[in-house]
């Protein structure tokens, strides 16, 4: 989370709306541990990572929806390890993410 602070401060100063994404649980294998974080601003800029790239694009879309509605949500993305490997992903397992609009 600390690695996001400089960007968050810059975005706050510029007046951007921001959604904060936190990894709250992992089932099976995963490239990040609970506590990993990323942030998405209203321009679609992203800092941080919650999955090492496996589902980041889908997470950005979810974060933009949270910004549009103003409502936090818990989302889950998952693949079995075999399915993930078959489609070229290096991680399998299931990640549970909490996404909320950041209240400055």
N, C-alpha and C. Protein backbone atom coordinates (compact mmCIF):
# COMPACT_ATOMS: atom_id res chain seq x y z
N UNK A 1 0.82 -1.20 0.00
CA UNK A 1 0.00 0.00 0.00
C UNK A 1 0.86 1.26 0.00
N UNK A 2 1.97 1.23 0.70
CA UNK A 2 2.82 2.44 0.78
C UNK A 2 3.33 2.89 -0.58
N UNK A 3 3.54 1.93 -1.49
CA UNK A 3 4.06 2.31 -2.80
C UNK A 3 3.04 3.10 -3.62
N UNK A 4 1.79 3.12 -3.18
CA UNK A 4 0.76 3.88 -3.88
C UNK A 4 0.65 5.33 -3.43
N UNK A 5 1.22 5.64 -2.27
CA UNK A 5 0.96 6.93 -1.63
C UNK A 5 1.34 8.14 -2.46
N UNK A 6 2.49 8.11 -3.12
CA UNK A 6 2.89 9.27 -3.93
C UNK A 6 1.90 9.54 -5.06
N UNK A 7 1.48 8.46 -5.74
CA UNK A 7 0.51 8.63 -6.83
C UNK A 7 -0.84 9.07 -6.29
N UNK A 8 -1.27 8.49 -5.17
CA UNK A 8 -2.55 8.89 -4.58
C UNK A 8 -2.53 10.37 -4.19
N UNK A 9 -1.43 10.82 -3.62
CA UNK A 9 -1.33 12.22 -3.24
C UNK A 9 -1.38 13.13 -4.47
N UNK A 10 -0.70 12.72 -5.53
CA UNK A 10 -0.71 13.50 -6.78
C UNK A 10 -2.13 13.55 -7.36
N UNK A 11 -2.82 12.42 -7.35
CA UNK A 11 -4.19 12.37 -7.88
C UNK A 11 -5.13 13.21 -7.02
N UNK A 12 -4.96 13.17 -5.70
CA UNK A 12 -5.80 13.97 -4.80
C UNK A 12 -5.61 15.45 -5.10
N UNK A 13 -4.35 15.86 -5.22
CA UNK A 13 -4.04 17.26 -5.50
C UNK A 13 -4.65 17.70 -6.83
N UNK A 14 -4.69 16.80 -7.81
CA UNK A 14 -5.25 17.12 -9.12
C UNK A 14 -6.78 17.01 -9.15
N UNK A 15 -7.39 16.54 -8.07
CA UNK A 15 -8.84 16.47 -7.99
C UNK A 15 -9.48 15.24 -8.61
N UNK A 16 -8.71 14.17 -8.79
CA UNK A 16 -9.25 12.95 -9.39
C UNK A 16 -10.03 12.11 -8.39
N UNK A 17 -11.07 11.46 -8.89
CA UNK A 17 -11.76 10.43 -8.13
C UNK A 17 -10.93 9.15 -8.25
N UNK A 18 -10.88 8.37 -7.17
CA UNK A 18 -10.03 7.18 -7.15
C UNK A 18 -10.78 6.01 -6.50
N UNK A 19 -10.61 4.84 -7.10
CA UNK A 19 -11.11 3.61 -6.49
C UNK A 19 -9.90 2.85 -5.95
N UNK A 20 -10.01 2.40 -4.72
CA UNK A 20 -8.96 1.62 -4.08
C UNK A 20 -9.36 0.15 -4.10
N UNK A 21 -8.44 -0.70 -4.54
CA UNK A 21 -8.68 -2.14 -4.65
C UNK A 21 -7.73 -2.86 -3.71
N UNK A 22 -8.29 -3.70 -2.84
CA UNK A 22 -7.44 -4.47 -1.92
C UNK A 22 -7.73 -5.95 -2.03
N UNK A 23 -6.67 -6.72 -2.08
CA UNK A 23 -6.78 -8.18 -2.09
C UNK A 23 -7.06 -8.63 -0.67
N UNK A 24 -8.23 -9.23 -0.46
CA UNK A 24 -8.61 -9.61 0.90
C UNK A 24 -8.48 -11.10 1.17
N UNK A 25 -8.44 -11.94 0.12
CA UNK A 25 -8.30 -13.38 0.34
C UNK A 25 -7.84 -14.04 -0.95
N UNK A 26 -7.08 -15.13 -0.80
CA UNK A 26 -6.62 -15.93 -1.93
C UNK A 26 -6.93 -17.39 -1.61
N UNK A 27 -7.52 -18.07 -2.56
CA UNK A 27 -7.73 -19.52 -2.44
C UNK A 27 -6.88 -20.19 -3.51
N UNK A 28 -6.11 -21.19 -3.14
CA UNK A 28 -5.22 -21.83 -4.10
C UNK A 28 -3.99 -20.98 -4.31
N UNK A 29 -3.41 -21.08 -5.50
CA UNK A 29 -2.19 -20.32 -5.77
C UNK A 29 -2.54 -18.91 -6.22
N UNK A 30 -1.64 -18.00 -5.97
CA UNK A 30 -1.80 -16.62 -6.39
C UNK A 30 -0.46 -15.92 -6.35
N UNK A 31 -0.32 -14.90 -7.15
CA UNK A 31 0.97 -14.22 -7.21
C UNK A 31 1.10 -13.12 -6.16
N UNK A 32 0.01 -12.74 -5.53
CA UNK A 32 0.03 -11.70 -4.50
C UNK A 32 -0.63 -12.25 -3.24
N UNK A 33 -0.27 -11.66 -2.12
CA UNK A 33 -0.82 -12.05 -0.83
C UNK A 33 -1.88 -11.05 -0.40
N UNK A 34 -2.79 -11.47 0.48
CA UNK A 34 -3.77 -10.52 1.01
C UNK A 34 -3.07 -9.27 1.54
N UNK A 35 -3.68 -8.14 1.27
CA UNK A 35 -3.07 -6.86 1.62
C UNK A 35 -2.53 -6.13 0.41
N UNK A 36 -2.29 -6.86 -0.69
CA UNK A 36 -1.84 -6.20 -1.92
C UNK A 36 -2.89 -5.19 -2.35
N UNK A 37 -2.45 -4.10 -2.96
CA UNK A 37 -3.39 -3.04 -3.31
C UNK A 37 -3.06 -2.44 -4.66
N UNK A 38 -4.08 -1.88 -5.27
CA UNK A 38 -3.91 -1.06 -6.47
C UNK A 38 -4.95 0.05 -6.40
N UNK A 39 -4.74 1.06 -7.19
CA UNK A 39 -5.69 2.17 -7.26
C UNK A 39 -5.91 2.51 -8.73
N UNK A 40 -7.13 2.95 -9.03
CA UNK A 40 -7.51 3.33 -10.38
C UNK A 40 -8.17 4.70 -10.29
N UNK A 41 -7.71 5.64 -11.10
CA UNK A 41 -8.36 6.96 -11.05
C UNK A 41 -9.40 7.10 -12.16
N UNK A 42 -10.08 8.23 -12.17
CA UNK A 42 -11.17 8.47 -13.11
C UNK A 42 -10.71 8.61 -14.56
N UNK A 43 -9.41 8.69 -14.78
CA UNK A 43 -8.86 8.69 -16.15
C UNK A 43 -8.44 7.31 -16.60
N UNK A 44 -8.55 6.32 -15.70
CA UNK A 44 -8.15 4.95 -16.01
C UNK A 44 -6.70 4.67 -15.71
N UNK A 45 -6.00 5.61 -15.08
CA UNK A 45 -4.61 5.37 -14.70
C UNK A 45 -4.59 4.40 -13.52
N UNK A 46 -3.58 3.53 -13.50
CA UNK A 46 -3.50 2.47 -12.50
C UNK A 46 -2.13 2.49 -11.83
N UNK A 47 -2.14 2.28 -10.51
CA UNK A 47 -0.90 2.05 -9.77
C UNK A 47 -1.12 0.83 -8.89
N UNK A 48 -0.06 0.08 -8.67
CA UNK A 48 -0.13 -1.11 -7.84
C UNK A 48 -0.60 -2.33 -8.61
N UNK A 49 -0.73 -3.44 -7.89
CA UNK A 49 -1.14 -4.70 -8.51
C UNK A 49 -1.76 -5.60 -7.45
N UNK A 50 -2.81 -6.31 -7.85
CA UNK A 50 -3.43 -7.26 -6.93
C UNK A 50 -3.36 -8.70 -7.44
N UNK A 51 -2.89 -8.88 -8.67
CA UNK A 51 -2.85 -10.25 -9.20
C UNK A 51 -1.63 -10.53 -10.06
N UNK A 52 -0.70 -9.62 -10.12
CA UNK A 52 0.47 -9.85 -10.96
C UNK A 52 0.14 -9.85 -12.44
N UNK A 53 -1.01 -9.31 -12.81
CA UNK A 53 -1.37 -9.18 -14.22
C UNK A 53 -2.45 -10.13 -14.69
N UNK A 54 -2.75 -11.18 -13.94
CA UNK A 54 -3.70 -12.19 -14.40
C UNK A 54 -5.10 -11.64 -14.64
N UNK A 55 -5.58 -10.78 -13.78
CA UNK A 55 -6.95 -10.25 -13.92
C UNK A 55 -7.00 -8.73 -13.82
N UNK A 56 -5.87 -8.08 -13.93
CA UNK A 56 -5.81 -6.63 -13.73
C UNK A 56 -6.77 -5.88 -14.65
N UNK A 57 -6.90 -6.26 -15.90
CA UNK A 57 -7.80 -5.57 -16.82
C UNK A 57 -9.24 -5.61 -16.35
N UNK A 58 -9.68 -6.77 -15.89
CA UNK A 58 -11.04 -6.91 -15.38
C UNK A 58 -11.21 -6.12 -14.09
N UNK A 59 -10.17 -6.05 -13.28
CA UNK A 59 -10.24 -5.30 -12.03
C UNK A 59 -10.39 -3.80 -12.32
N UNK A 60 -9.70 -3.31 -13.33
CA UNK A 60 -9.83 -1.90 -13.71
C UNK A 60 -11.27 -1.60 -14.11
N UNK A 61 -11.90 -2.48 -14.87
CA UNK A 61 -13.29 -2.27 -15.27
C UNK A 61 -14.21 -2.25 -14.05
N UNK A 62 -13.97 -3.15 -13.10
CA UNK A 62 -14.77 -3.16 -11.86
C UNK A 62 -14.56 -1.87 -11.07
N UNK A 63 -13.32 -1.41 -11.01
CA UNK A 63 -13.01 -0.17 -10.28
C UNK A 63 -13.70 1.03 -10.94
N UNK A 64 -13.73 1.07 -12.25
CA UNK A 64 -14.40 2.16 -12.94
C UNK A 64 -15.90 2.13 -12.67
N UNK A 65 -16.48 0.94 -12.55
CA UNK A 65 -17.89 0.83 -12.21
C UNK A 65 -18.15 1.34 -10.79
N UNK A 66 -17.23 1.03 -9.87
CA UNK A 66 -17.35 1.55 -8.50
C UNK A 66 -17.29 3.07 -8.50
N UNK A 67 -16.42 3.64 -9.31
CA UNK A 67 -16.35 5.10 -9.40
C UNK A 67 -17.65 5.67 -9.97
N UNK A 68 -18.24 4.98 -10.93
CA UNK A 68 -19.47 5.46 -11.55
C UNK A 68 -20.66 5.40 -10.59
N UNK A 69 -20.72 4.35 -9.78
CA UNK A 69 -21.87 4.17 -8.88
C UNK A 69 -21.64 4.73 -7.49
N UNK A 70 -20.37 4.83 -7.09
CA UNK A 70 -20.05 5.27 -5.74
C UNK A 70 -20.25 4.20 -4.69
N UNK A 71 -20.52 2.97 -5.14
CA UNK A 71 -20.79 1.87 -4.21
C UNK A 71 -19.65 0.86 -4.19
N UNK A 72 -19.17 0.57 -2.98
CA UNK A 72 -18.11 -0.43 -2.81
C UNK A 72 -18.66 -1.81 -3.15
N UNK A 73 -17.76 -2.71 -3.50
CA UNK A 73 -18.18 -4.08 -3.79
C UNK A 73 -17.05 -5.07 -3.54
N UNK A 74 -17.44 -6.29 -3.27
CA UNK A 74 -16.52 -7.41 -3.16
C UNK A 74 -16.64 -8.22 -4.44
N UNK A 75 -15.52 -8.44 -5.11
CA UNK A 75 -15.54 -9.20 -6.36
C UNK A 75 -14.58 -10.38 -6.25
N UNK A 76 -14.88 -11.41 -7.02
CA UNK A 76 -14.08 -12.63 -7.00
C UNK A 76 -13.72 -13.00 -8.42
N UNK A 77 -12.45 -13.33 -8.62
CA UNK A 77 -11.97 -13.83 -9.89
C UNK A 77 -11.25 -15.13 -9.62
N UNK A 78 -11.50 -16.14 -10.46
CA UNK A 78 -10.80 -17.39 -10.19
C UNK A 78 -10.74 -18.31 -11.38
N UNK A 79 -9.70 -19.12 -11.36
CA UNK A 79 -9.47 -20.17 -12.33
C UNK A 79 -8.90 -21.36 -11.58
N UNK A 80 -9.21 -22.53 -12.01
CA UNK A 80 -8.47 -23.66 -11.46
C UNK A 80 -7.04 -23.55 -11.98
N UNK A 81 -6.09 -24.12 -11.28
CA UNK A 81 -4.70 -24.05 -11.72
C UNK A 81 -4.55 -24.63 -13.13
N UNK A 82 -5.24 -25.74 -13.42
CA UNK A 82 -5.15 -26.36 -14.74
C UNK A 82 -5.73 -25.47 -15.82
N UNK A 83 -6.91 -24.85 -15.54
CA UNK A 83 -7.51 -23.95 -16.51
C UNK A 83 -6.63 -22.74 -16.77
N UNK A 84 -6.08 -22.19 -15.72
CA UNK A 84 -5.22 -21.02 -15.86
C UNK A 84 -4.02 -21.34 -16.74
N UNK A 85 -3.38 -22.47 -16.50
CA UNK A 85 -2.22 -22.87 -17.29
C UNK A 85 -2.62 -23.08 -18.75
N UNK A 86 -3.79 -23.66 -18.98
CA UNK A 86 -4.24 -23.96 -20.34
C UNK A 86 -4.43 -22.70 -21.17
N UNK A 87 -4.84 -21.58 -20.55
CA UNK A 87 -5.03 -20.34 -21.30
C UNK A 87 -3.82 -19.41 -21.22
N UNK A 88 -2.73 -19.91 -20.65
CA UNK A 88 -1.49 -19.14 -20.65
C UNK A 88 -1.27 -18.25 -19.44
N UNK A 89 -2.10 -18.38 -18.40
CA UNK A 89 -1.89 -17.59 -17.20
C UNK A 89 -0.90 -18.31 -16.29
N UNK A 90 -0.06 -17.54 -15.64
CA UNK A 90 0.94 -18.14 -14.76
C UNK A 90 0.40 -18.37 -13.37
N UNK A 91 -0.76 -17.81 -13.07
CA UNK A 91 -1.33 -18.01 -11.74
C UNK A 91 -2.69 -18.68 -11.88
N UNK A 92 -3.03 -19.43 -10.89
CA UNK A 92 -4.37 -20.03 -10.84
C UNK A 92 -5.02 -19.53 -9.58
N UNK A 93 -5.86 -20.34 -8.98
CA UNK A 93 -6.48 -19.96 -7.73
C UNK A 93 -7.58 -18.93 -7.91
N UNK A 94 -8.07 -18.47 -6.79
CA UNK A 94 -9.16 -17.50 -6.75
C UNK A 94 -8.76 -16.33 -5.88
N UNK A 95 -9.04 -15.13 -6.34
CA UNK A 95 -8.75 -13.94 -5.55
C UNK A 95 -10.05 -13.22 -5.23
N UNK A 96 -10.14 -12.73 -4.00
CA UNK A 96 -11.28 -11.95 -3.55
C UNK A 96 -10.79 -10.53 -3.30
N UNK A 97 -11.44 -9.57 -3.94
CA UNK A 97 -11.00 -8.18 -3.90
C UNK A 97 -12.11 -7.29 -3.36
N UNK A 98 -11.72 -6.33 -2.51
CA UNK A 98 -12.65 -5.32 -2.05
C UNK A 98 -12.30 -4.04 -2.78
N UNK A 99 -13.30 -3.46 -3.45
CA UNK A 99 -13.09 -2.24 -4.24
C UNK A 99 -14.01 -1.16 -3.68
N UNK A 100 -13.42 -0.01 -3.37
CA UNK A 100 -14.22 1.08 -2.81
C UNK A 100 -13.75 2.42 -3.35
N UNK A 101 -14.68 3.36 -3.46
CA UNK A 101 -14.25 4.71 -3.84
C UNK A 101 -13.47 5.31 -2.67
N UNK A 102 -12.38 5.96 -2.98
CA UNK A 102 -11.55 6.57 -1.93
C UNK A 102 -12.17 7.91 -1.54
N UNK A 103 -12.45 8.05 -0.25
CA UNK A 103 -13.03 9.28 0.26
C UNK A 103 -11.89 10.15 0.78
N UNK A 104 -11.58 11.19 0.04
CA UNK A 104 -10.45 12.05 0.43
C UNK A 104 -10.74 12.70 1.74
